[in-house]
Amino acid sequence: MRAELKSVCKCYSMADGTTMKALKDLSFRIPERSFTVILGKSGCGKTTLLRIMAGLERPSTGEVLGRDGGSIGVVFQEPRLMPWLSVRKNVEMVLEGDLDRAKKAGRVLTQVGLSRFEKAMPNQLSGGMAQRVALARALAYEPEMLLMDEPFGALDYFTRRELQGELSSLVKARGLTAVLVTHDVDEAIFLASRIAVMGNGRILSVTEEIDSESMSFEERDRLRESILASIENGG
């Protein structure tokens, strides 16, 4: 599944009567089966862009193309689990009406390493485990595109790195088109096949195809410096 934004603007009316432009004439393409990371400072419009791609908000002007008929999974900054449901039931809730929902939920929970915690309640989970459940729920109905809004931002370094590795493997194994929003440059380099740097409601730059696994330390450092310069100059 691919997506393309054409001349997208998003404006919000403020309490004082002024208008705040979150996205400004933004055009951007998400290739099929790519892992695109949208990187930028807080408040630059990343989450607004992701919500429009997910269909949770409508652009003020412009259009989003390429999503017709395709299913989209979304993972938010917080797990957003139902506290009265078990881990398995939280995953099954997106499969309502599917006669194989128990089997599908069990399979995806195994993929994210939670097969032993199917009966656990959300208040019994660590932050990393709860975010694994959120990821499993997003993957349960086999979406073609996975959208993620800083899903690991609240986790400690070691848990974050572990989940980043698992996410990368799952996206590749399923052949998904993935889009992740972050302000963490190292996370972007680790996960992305391409990085879109965002600032002040616009896409400032997009990298060429990258493969972090084959990059030397020197190449990573040069890419990091280039990204940081783009953010500082345009953000």
Foldseek 3Di string as FASTA:
>chain_A
DKKWWAQFWAWDQDPVRDIDILAGGAIDIQDALFAEEEAADPSLNLVVVLCCVQVVDPTPDTDMDDCPPFFEFEQEQQLPFDQVQFLLVSLLVVVPPPPCSSVLSLVLCVLLPNNVRRRPGPVVDDRLNSLSSSVSSRPSVPGQEYEYENNCVVDDPVSSVVVLVSVLVVSVVSSHRYYYYDNDLVSRLQRGLKYFYTGNNYGQDIDHGDDSVPDDPVRSVVVSVVNVVSRVVGD
